[in-house]
Amino acid sequence: MTYPDAKSVVLAYLKAIDERDPEAIAATLWEDAEFRIPGDHPLAGTRVGLDDIFDKFMLPLMELCSPDVPYTVEISQLVAEGDTVVLDCVARSASRTGVPYEANVVSVFTVRDGRIKVMREFFDTQYFVRTLIGAE
């Protein structure tokens, strides 16, 4: 079986995020994928498996964001070597109350056999809490 390269997998994941397409997002992840989200807030922690990732990270994140403002990811840099992809980007949206959100994020992905196995994110968690959670 031929698998896409790691960079293509991450780009497909980002496209699915941009389109808010849960099925396409899930197709880029292993069933036992692991997301590590930093901070001291309700979305923080290590999420393992599609249900945990969707139920405790992705869906709550979208609930914090305005449904009227797209959640976009602007790639500043994407570097891939072997099964590791490092993404430097700016995530943009707005809180439910309309407060603009613009965060610099670095994500490190481990891709295995054509799907994301691990994602670790690094961002200003105080800004995240103040802008999206504190704006409720």
N, C-alpha and C. Protein backbone atom coordinates (compact mmCIF):
# COMPACT_ATOMS: atom_id res chain seq x y z
N MET A 1 0.84 -1.18 0.00
CA MET A 1 0.00 0.00 0.00
C MET A 1 0.89 1.24 0.00
N THR A 2 0.54 2.25 -0.79
CA THR A 2 1.28 3.50 -0.86
C THR A 2 0.58 4.55 0.00
N TYR A 3 1.36 5.22 0.83
CA TYR A 3 0.80 6.26 1.70
C TYR A 3 1.30 7.62 1.25
N PRO A 4 0.48 8.64 1.44
CA PRO A 4 0.95 9.98 1.10
C PRO A 4 2.06 10.41 2.05
N ASP A 5 2.87 11.36 1.59
CA ASP A 5 3.94 11.84 2.46
C ASP A 5 3.34 12.62 3.63
N ALA A 6 4.12 12.78 4.69
CA ALA A 6 3.63 13.39 5.92
C ALA A 6 3.12 14.81 5.70
N LYS A 7 3.81 15.58 4.88
CA LYS A 7 3.39 16.97 4.62
C LYS A 7 2.01 17.00 3.98
N SER A 8 1.76 16.12 3.03
CA SER A 8 0.45 16.07 2.36
C SER A 8 -0.66 15.71 3.34
N VAL A 9 -0.37 14.84 4.28
CA VAL A 9 -1.36 14.44 5.29
C VAL A 9 -1.75 15.65 6.15
N VAL A 10 -0.74 16.40 6.59
CA VAL A 10 -1.02 17.57 7.43
C VAL A 10 -1.77 18.63 6.63
N LEU A 11 -1.41 18.83 5.37
CA LEU A 11 -2.15 19.78 4.53
C LEU A 11 -3.60 19.36 4.35
N ALA A 12 -3.86 18.06 4.20
CA ALA A 12 -5.23 17.56 4.09
C ALA A 12 -5.99 17.80 5.39
N TYR A 13 -5.32 17.61 6.53
CA TYR A 13 -5.93 17.89 7.84
C TYR A 13 -6.30 19.37 7.95
N LEU A 14 -5.39 20.25 7.56
CA LEU A 14 -5.66 21.70 7.64
C LEU A 14 -6.81 22.10 6.71
N LYS A 15 -6.88 21.50 5.54
CA LYS A 15 -7.98 21.77 4.62
C LYS A 15 -9.31 21.33 5.24
N ALA A 16 -9.31 20.18 5.87
CA ALA A 16 -10.53 19.67 6.52
C ALA A 16 -10.95 20.58 7.68
N ILE A 17 -9.96 21.10 8.43
CA ILE A 17 -10.26 22.05 9.51
C ILE A 17 -10.89 23.31 8.91
N ASP A 18 -10.28 23.83 7.85
CA ASP A 18 -10.77 25.04 7.19
C ASP A 18 -12.20 24.87 6.70
N GLU A 19 -12.52 23.67 6.22
CA GLU A 19 -13.86 23.39 5.71
C GLU A 19 -14.82 22.92 6.80
N ARG A 20 -14.31 22.79 8.04
CA ARG A 20 -15.11 22.31 9.17
C ARG A 20 -15.82 21.00 8.81
N ASP A 21 -15.03 20.08 8.27
CA ASP A 21 -15.55 18.80 7.78
C ASP A 21 -15.08 17.67 8.71
N PRO A 22 -15.93 17.27 9.69
CA PRO A 22 -15.51 16.26 10.66
C PRO A 22 -15.10 14.93 10.04
N GLU A 23 -15.78 14.51 8.98
CA GLU A 23 -15.42 13.23 8.35
C GLU A 23 -14.05 13.31 7.70
N ALA A 24 -13.76 14.43 7.05
CA ALA A 24 -12.45 14.60 6.42
C ALA A 24 -11.35 14.73 7.47
N ILE A 25 -11.65 15.41 8.59
CA ILE A 25 -10.69 15.50 9.68
C ILE A 25 -10.38 14.10 10.20
N ALA A 26 -11.43 13.34 10.49
CA ALA A 26 -11.26 11.98 11.03
C ALA A 26 -10.46 11.10 10.06
N ALA A 27 -10.63 11.31 8.77
CA ALA A 27 -9.92 10.49 7.78
C ALA A 27 -8.41 10.74 7.80
N THR A 28 -7.97 11.86 8.38
CA THR A 28 -6.54 12.15 8.45
C THR A 28 -5.90 11.66 9.75
N LEU A 29 -6.72 11.14 10.66
CA LEU A 29 -6.25 10.74 11.98
C LEU A 29 -6.38 9.23 12.20
N TRP A 30 -5.45 8.66 12.96
CA TRP A 30 -5.59 7.28 13.38
C TRP A 30 -6.66 7.21 14.47
N GLU A 31 -7.33 6.08 14.58
CA GLU A 31 -8.37 5.88 15.62
C GLU A 31 -7.81 6.17 17.02
N ASP A 32 -6.54 5.85 17.23
CA ASP A 32 -5.92 6.05 18.54
C ASP A 32 -4.96 7.24 18.54
N ALA A 33 -5.23 8.22 17.67
CA ALA A 33 -4.38 9.42 17.61
C ALA A 33 -4.34 10.10 18.97
N GLU A 34 -3.29 10.85 19.17
CA GLU A 34 -3.10 11.55 20.45
C GLU A 34 -2.84 13.03 20.18
N PHE A 35 -3.64 13.90 20.80
CA PHE A 35 -3.44 15.35 20.72
C PHE A 35 -3.04 15.83 22.10
N ARG A 36 -1.98 16.62 22.16
CA ARG A 36 -1.53 17.20 23.43
C ARG A 36 -1.73 18.71 23.36
N ILE A 37 -2.64 19.20 24.20
CA ILE A 37 -2.99 20.61 24.20
C ILE A 37 -2.53 21.22 25.52
N PRO A 38 -1.69 22.27 25.48
CA PRO A 38 -1.14 22.83 26.71
C PRO A 38 -2.12 23.72 27.46
N GLY A 39 -1.81 23.99 28.70
CA GLY A 39 -2.52 24.99 29.47
C GLY A 39 -3.34 24.46 30.61
N ASP A 40 -4.01 25.40 31.26
CA ASP A 40 -4.89 25.12 32.39
C ASP A 40 -6.26 25.68 32.04
N HIS A 41 -6.96 24.96 31.19
CA HIS A 41 -8.30 25.36 30.73
C HIS A 41 -9.06 24.09 30.34
N PRO A 42 -10.34 24.18 30.11
CA PRO A 42 -11.14 22.97 29.87
C PRO A 42 -10.73 22.13 28.65
N LEU A 43 -10.06 22.72 27.67
CA LEU A 43 -9.66 21.96 26.49
C LEU A 43 -8.26 21.36 26.61
N ALA A 44 -7.52 21.75 27.64
CA ALA A 44 -6.14 21.30 27.82
C ALA A 44 -6.07 19.83 28.20
N GLY A 45 -4.94 19.25 27.87
CA GLY A 45 -4.69 17.87 28.28
C GLY A 45 -4.30 17.01 27.10
N THR A 46 -4.12 15.75 27.38
CA THR A 46 -3.80 14.78 26.34
C THR A 46 -5.09 14.06 25.96
N ARG A 47 -5.45 14.16 24.72
CA ARG A 47 -6.67 13.54 24.19
C ARG A 47 -6.25 12.35 23.33
N VAL A 48 -6.80 11.18 23.62
CA VAL A 48 -6.41 9.97 22.89
C VAL A 48 -7.66 9.35 22.27
N GLY A 49 -7.60 9.12 20.97
CA GLY A 49 -8.71 8.52 20.24
C GLY A 49 -9.62 9.57 19.64
N LEU A 50 -10.27 9.20 18.55
CA LEU A 50 -11.11 10.15 17.82
C LEU A 50 -12.22 10.74 18.67
N ASP A 51 -12.91 9.91 19.46
CA ASP A 51 -14.01 10.43 20.29
C ASP A 51 -13.50 11.46 21.28
N ASP A 52 -12.40 11.17 21.94
CA ASP A 52 -11.84 12.09 22.93
C ASP A 52 -11.37 13.38 22.26
N ILE A 53 -10.71 13.27 21.12
CA ILE A 53 -10.22 14.44 20.39
C ILE A 53 -11.39 15.31 19.95
N PHE A 54 -12.41 14.71 19.39
CA PHE A 54 -13.56 15.49 18.92
C PHE A 54 -14.39 16.03 20.09
N ASP A 55 -14.72 15.16 21.05
CA ASP A 55 -15.64 15.54 22.13
C ASP A 55 -15.03 16.51 23.15
N LYS A 56 -13.72 16.43 23.37
CA LYS A 56 -13.12 17.25 24.43
C LYS A 56 -12.17 18.32 23.92
N PHE A 57 -11.95 18.35 22.59
CA PHE A 57 -11.10 19.40 22.05
C PHE A 57 -11.74 20.11 20.86
N MET A 58 -11.95 19.42 19.76
CA MET A 58 -12.40 20.08 18.54
C MET A 58 -13.79 20.70 18.65
N LEU A 59 -14.76 19.92 19.09
CA LEU A 59 -16.12 20.45 19.19
C LEU A 59 -16.23 21.57 20.23
N PRO A 60 -15.63 21.41 21.43
CA PRO A 60 -15.67 22.53 22.38
C PRO A 60 -14.96 23.78 21.85
N LEU A 61 -13.87 23.60 21.08
CA LEU A 61 -13.19 24.75 20.50
C LEU A 61 -14.12 25.49 19.54
N MET A 62 -14.82 24.74 18.71
CA MET A 62 -15.74 25.38 17.76
C MET A 62 -16.91 26.06 18.49
N GLU A 63 -17.29 25.51 19.64
CA GLU A 63 -18.35 26.14 20.45
C GLU A 63 -17.89 27.47 21.04
N LEU A 64 -16.59 27.62 21.27
CA LEU A 64 -16.07 28.87 21.80
C LEU A 64 -15.98 29.96 20.73
N CYS A 65 -15.93 29.52 19.47
CA CYS A 65 -15.77 30.46 18.35
C CYS A 65 -17.11 30.86 17.77
N SER A 66 -17.14 32.06 17.23
CA SER A 66 -18.34 32.56 16.56
C SER A 66 -18.68 31.69 15.35
N PRO A 67 -19.95 31.30 15.21
CA PRO A 67 -20.32 30.55 14.01
C PRO A 67 -20.34 31.43 12.76
N ASP A 68 -20.28 32.74 12.96
CA ASP A 68 -20.34 33.69 11.84
C ASP A 68 -18.97 34.08 11.30
N VAL A 69 -17.91 33.70 12.03
CA VAL A 69 -16.56 34.06 11.62
C VAL A 69 -15.80 32.76 11.37
N PRO A 70 -15.27 32.58 10.17
CA PRO A 70 -14.54 31.33 9.89
C PRO A 70 -13.35 31.15 10.81
N TYR A 71 -13.05 29.90 11.14
CA TYR A 71 -11.82 29.55 11.85
C TYR A 71 -10.80 29.23 10.76
N THR A 72 -9.79 30.07 10.62
CA THR A 72 -8.82 29.87 9.55
C THR A 72 -7.43 29.65 10.12
N VAL A 73 -6.62 28.98 9.34
CA VAL A 73 -5.23 28.72 9.70
C VAL A 73 -4.38 29.23 8.54
N GLU A 74 -3.57 30.26 8.82
CA GLU A 74 -2.65 30.79 7.82
C GLU A 74 -1.27 30.22 8.10
N ILE A 75 -0.76 29.47 7.16
CA ILE A 75 0.54 28.82 7.32
C ILE A 75 1.66 29.85 7.14
N SER A 76 2.49 29.97 8.15
CA SER A 76 3.69 30.80 8.04
C SER A 76 4.85 29.95 7.54
N GLN A 77 4.94 28.73 8.08
CA GLN A 77 6.00 27.81 7.68
C GLN A 77 5.54 26.38 7.94
N LEU A 78 5.87 25.50 7.03
CA LEU A 78 5.55 24.08 7.18
C LEU A 78 6.81 23.31 6.78
N VAL A 79 7.38 22.60 7.75
CA VAL A 79 8.63 21.88 7.52
C VAL A 79 8.38 20.41 7.80
N ALA A 80 8.79 19.57 6.86
CA ALA A 80 8.59 18.13 7.03
C ALA A 80 9.90 17.39 6.81
N GLU A 81 10.13 16.44 7.69
CA GLU A 81 11.27 15.54 7.53
C GLU A 81 10.84 14.18 8.04
N GLY A 82 10.86 13.20 7.17
CA GLY A 82 10.42 11.86 7.56
C GLY A 82 8.97 11.89 8.00
N ASP A 83 8.71 11.36 9.19
CA ASP A 83 7.33 11.30 9.68
C ASP A 83 6.96 12.49 10.57
N THR A 84 7.83 13.51 10.63
CA THR A 84 7.59 14.67 11.48
C THR A 84 7.30 15.90 10.62
N VAL A 85 6.24 16.62 10.99
CA VAL A 85 5.88 17.86 10.32
C VAL A 85 5.73 18.93 11.39
N VAL A 86 6.38 20.07 11.18
CA VAL A 86 6.26 21.21 12.09
C VAL A 86 5.53 22.32 11.36
N LEU A 87 4.45 22.77 11.96
CA LEU A 87 3.62 23.82 11.39
C LEU A 87 3.72 25.06 12.27
N ASP A 88 4.10 26.18 11.66
CA ASP A 88 4.08 27.48 12.32
C ASP A 88 2.97 28.25 11.61
N CYS A 89 1.96 28.68 12.37
CA CYS A 89 0.80 29.28 11.72
C CYS A 89 0.15 30.34 12.60
N VAL A 90 -0.81 31.03 12.01
CA VAL A 90 -1.66 31.96 12.74
C VAL A 90 -3.10 31.45 12.60
N ALA A 91 -3.71 31.17 13.75
CA ALA A 91 -5.11 30.74 13.77
C ALA A 91 -5.96 31.98 14.03
N ARG A 92 -7.02 32.14 13.24
CA ARG A 92 -7.88 33.31 13.38
C ARG A 92 -9.35 32.89 13.47
N SER A 93 -10.08 33.61 14.28
CA SER A 93 -11.52 33.44 14.40
C SER A 93 -12.03 34.61 15.25
N ALA A 94 -13.12 34.38 15.96
CA ALA A 94 -13.66 35.35 16.91
C ALA A 94 -14.40 34.56 17.98
N SER A 95 -14.49 35.16 19.16
CA SER A 95 -15.24 34.52 20.24
C SER A 95 -16.74 34.57 19.92
N ARG A 96 -17.52 33.88 20.70
CA ARG A 96 -18.98 33.92 20.55
C ARG A 96 -19.53 35.34 20.67
N THR A 97 -18.82 36.18 21.44
CA THR A 97 -19.28 37.56 21.62
C THR A 97 -18.67 38.52 20.61
N GLY A 98 -17.90 37.98 19.65
CA GLY A 98 -17.36 38.80 18.57
C GLY A 98 -15.97 39.35 18.80
N VAL A 99 -15.31 38.98 19.90
CA VAL A 99 -13.95 39.44 20.15
C VAL A 99 -13.01 38.73 19.16
N PRO A 100 -12.24 39.50 18.37
CA PRO A 100 -11.33 38.87 17.41
C PRO A 100 -10.29 37.99 18.12
N TYR A 101 -9.97 36.87 17.49
CA TYR A 101 -8.98 35.93 18.01
C TYR A 101 -7.93 35.72 16.94
N GLU A 102 -6.66 35.94 17.30
CA GLU A 102 -5.56 35.74 16.37
C GLU A 102 -4.38 35.20 17.18
N ALA A 103 -4.09 33.94 17.02
CA ALA A 103 -3.07 33.28 17.85
C ALA A 103 -1.96 32.69 16.99
N ASN A 104 -0.73 32.91 17.42
CA ASN A 104 0.41 32.24 16.81
C ASN A 104 0.49 30.85 17.42
N VAL A 105 0.54 29.84 16.57
CA VAL A 105 0.53 28.46 17.03
C VAL A 105 1.65 27.69 16.32
N VAL A 106 2.31 26.84 17.08
CA VAL A 106 3.25 25.88 16.50
C VAL A 106 2.71 24.50 16.84
N SER A 107 2.56 23.68 15.83
CA SER A 107 2.10 22.30 16.01
C SER A 107 3.15 21.35 15.46
N VAL A 108 3.39 20.29 16.21
CA VAL A 108 4.33 19.26 15.77
C VAL A 108 3.53 17.98 15.58
N PHE A 109 3.55 17.46 14.37
CA PHE A 109 2.78 16.26 14.01
C PHE A 109 3.72 15.09 13.80
N THR A 110 3.28 13.92 14.23
CA THR A 110 3.93 12.67 13.86
C THR A 110 2.93 11.92 12.99
N VAL A 111 3.36 11.59 11.79
CA VAL A 111 2.50 10.92 10.81
C VAL A 111 3.01 9.51 10.61
N ARG A 112 2.09 8.56 10.67
CA ARG A 112 2.45 7.15 10.44
C ARG A 112 1.52 6.56 9.40
N ASP A 113 2.09 5.97 8.38
CA ASP A 113 1.32 5.27 7.35
C ASP A 113 0.13 6.07 6.84
N GLY A 114 0.36 7.34 6.54
CA GLY A 114 -0.65 8.14 5.88
C GLY A 114 -1.68 8.82 6.76
N ARG A 115 -1.49 8.76 8.08
CA ARG A 115 -2.43 9.44 8.99
C ARG A 115 -1.66 10.03 10.17
N ILE A 116 -2.29 11.02 10.79
CA ILE A 116 -1.67 11.66 11.95
C ILE A 116 -1.80 10.76 13.17
N LYS A 117 -0.67 10.52 13.82
CA LYS A 117 -0.63 9.69 15.02
C LYS A 117 -0.59 10.55 16.28
N VAL A 118 0.22 11.63 16.23
CA VAL A 118 0.36 12.51 17.40
C VAL A 118 0.41 13.96 16.92
N MET A 119 -0.25 14.85 17.68
CA MET A 119 -0.13 16.29 17.46
C MET A 119 0.13 16.95 18.80
N ARG A 120 1.17 17.78 18.84
CA ARG A 120 1.45 18.58 20.04
C ARG A 120 1.36 20.04 19.62
N GLU A 121 0.60 20.83 20.38
CA GLU A 121 0.46 22.24 20.05
C GLU A 121 1.13 23.11 21.10
N PHE A 122 1.63 24.27 20.64
CA PHE A 122 2.26 25.25 21.51
C PHE A 122 1.70 26.61 21.14
N PHE A 123 1.09 27.30 22.12
CA PHE A 123 0.50 28.62 21.87
C PHE A 123 0.34 29.34 23.20
N ASP A 124 -0.01 30.62 23.14
CA ASP A 124 -0.20 31.44 24.33
C ASP A 124 -1.53 31.06 24.97
N THR A 125 -1.47 30.22 25.99
CA THR A 125 -2.70 29.72 26.60
C THR A 125 -3.43 30.80 27.40
N GLN A 126 -2.71 31.76 27.95
CA GLN A 126 -3.38 32.85 28.67
C GLN A 126 -4.22 33.69 27.71
N TYR A 127 -3.66 33.98 26.54
CA TYR A 127 -4.41 34.72 25.52
C TYR A 127 -5.64 33.91 25.08
N PHE A 128 -5.47 32.62 24.87
CA PHE A 128 -6.56 31.74 24.48
C PHE A 128 -7.70 31.82 25.51
N VAL A 129 -7.36 31.67 26.78
CA VAL A 129 -8.37 31.70 27.83
C VAL A 129 -9.02 33.08 27.91
N ARG A 130 -8.21 34.12 27.90
CA ARG A 130 -8.74 35.47 28.01
C ARG A 130 -9.65 35.83 26.84
N THR A 131 -9.28 35.43 25.64
CA THR A 131 -10.02 35.83 24.44
C THR A 131 -11.23 34.95 24.16
N LEU A 132 -11.06 33.63 24.24
CA LEU A 132 -12.17 32.75 23.86
C LEU A 132 -13.00 32.28 25.05
N ILE A 133 -12.36 31.92 26.14
CA ILE A 133 -13.13 31.41 27.30
C ILE A 133 -13.61 32.56 28.16
N GLY A 134 -12.73 33.56 28.39
CA GLY A 134 -13.10 34.69 29.23
C GLY A 134 -14.07 35.64 28.57
N ALA A 135 -14.22 35.55 27.25
CA ALA A 135 -15.11 36.46 26.51
C ALA A 135 -16.55 35.97 26.52
N GLU A 136 -16.79 34.80 27.11
CA GLU A 136 -18.16 34.25 27.13
C GLU A 136 -19.09 35.12 27.94
